[in-house]
Structures are given as structure tokens and as C-alpha cells.
Amino acid sequence: MGAQRLAFVTLFPDIFQSFIQASLLGQAVRDGLVSFHFENPRDYGLGRHKSVDDTPYGGGSGMVLRVDVLVATLEALEARLGERPRRILLTPGGAPFRQADARRLSLESSITFICGRYEGFDARIEAHVDEELSLGDFVLCGGEVAAMAISEAVVRLRPGVLGNELSVVEESYGGPLLEYAQYTRPTEFRGAAVPSVLAGGHHGRILAWRKTDSEERTRARRPDLYAPYAQAKAAADAAIAAEKSAKRARRKRPPTSAGDIRVDCTEDAQTHAPTATFHPDEES
């Protein structure tokens, strides 16, 4: 898997500079695992003032980003990159971003995030993007923070970015449950102690504790996640119980008595070896 290319259409590219240089993302750039690219709509603005927005038709407050300027920006970016990345519009009206989206987007070779500002986008931009995403039910001043959050969630899933590949498996939203609670030293702090099972070193008991803790935390904190998990778990448990019951019934079935079996002894036509054919009594 080659380096992933992430591009951003933004009026404020400087916001990203410390973000892409720090921590794991910065290391991923230095390791050649990801590259970042920026295109400013202001460079394709109209008139002497390089205008990128205008007043909304029908009246109302604020300014709306022009579709012609945004599309020109996208096309210029893609001409420079030599490819058309997946275009994602960041907007409060988009689909809520989930961990499943991060996994899906981590498989893309290139993505362009389109960051809004002011009162939003001319709705005609929607015909020029592949999908619309939102961080949640709240409004930001622009799409840059959302673009950073989503790009970090995506990049960390790329092979080689995290030191421990299991980190992306045993974590919240890696499966149907929230991650279990984590502890480190000191063993006790102001009366709060690390659960003794974790310090005991018994691998099986630790796994059992972590599963139970994941279930309890999810049930208490995210009932919306726990409900489908509990339903699926109940169905699986019922299927296992039914299979065990069927096996017990088969084991209890009385064996066929010798008197109920007819045996035909013949001779193989080629080898002349004796053969036996067993026929359960049809009336038994």
C-alpha cells in the first residue's frame, strides 16, 4: 500500500501546519506514508479582491461560498496532483462520521476535504462531490477542524503509522463495544486502586474482566451501541444452546440393536475379498 495523499480546499491553509508536523502524523509524513496538499479558493477568486463568496439569493444573513470558485479550485488541485481524489464536503448537514467511515476511507489512495466558511456552500457544489460528512450535531466556524479530526482518524489506520498494529483493534469503536478501562502506575491513587485482577497476571481472567468491563461501560455510557450488541449476543447464545440441546438429544438416542440389522456377505468380483453390507431392519 503506497502513500496516501490527503488534500484540503481551505481559505486558511496555515491552520494545518503544526497539525501535520506533530506527533504520529508528522512521523507518517517523514516516513513517506502520507502526504498533505492544499489549495486556497482565494487564488481562484473573482475580481480585484479575489472574492470567493456572495450574498444569498432570497435574502438572509452571512455570505455563501460560490460554486464556480470552489469547482475551479478543485479542478486546479486535481490537475496539479494528476488524479481525482475522492471529494468529501465537510458540512453540518452531512452524514455523521463514524469509525466505520475511518476504516473505509483509510483504504482510499487519495482524498480531498472541502472546508467551508461563512454561511456555508452554494448547494450546487453537492453535485461535484462524492460524499458529505459531519462531525456531529453542532456548528463550527469552518470545516478545517473537522478535516483535521477526520484525517487523523483515517491516517492512523494506515499500515505502519502506529507502532502497535493491535492498537487499532483493541479500542473503542474497533468493534461493537467501547474499550475497557485502562490503568497504569501507581497501583493506588487517593483511595482508587487498580483492579486486582489486572495486576494478578492471569491472562484468562484479565480477558474475561476486560470483556465484562467493555460490556458494562457500553451499557452505561452508550445504550445506543449496547442494544444491538445485546440483541445479537442473545441470538448467538440461543443458537449455541439449541445446538447443544440437539447434540444431547442425539447422544441419548438408543443404539440400533443387533437383531434389527441384516448383514449380506458377498465376495468382491475382482479381488475375491469378502465384503459385508449392513441393512437396518426396515420395520424396526
Foldseek 3Di string as FASTA:
>chain_A
DFAAEEEEEDQCVVVCPVVCCDDLNVVCVVVRNYYYYYFYLLVQADDPRRDQWAADPPDDDKTAGELVSVVVRQVVVCVVVVHRFAEEEEDLPFAADALVVLQVCLPGRYYYYYKAAMPYYDVVCVVVHDGYYYNDNDDDRMCPVVSSVSVVSNSCQHPPSDPDNCVCCQAQRNDLWHWADDDDDDQDDPHDGDPPQVVPPDVVSVVVVRVVRRLVCCVVPPVVSNVVVVVVVVVVVVVVVVVVVVVVVVVPDDDQDPVQKDKDWDADPPPRHIDIDIDGRPVD
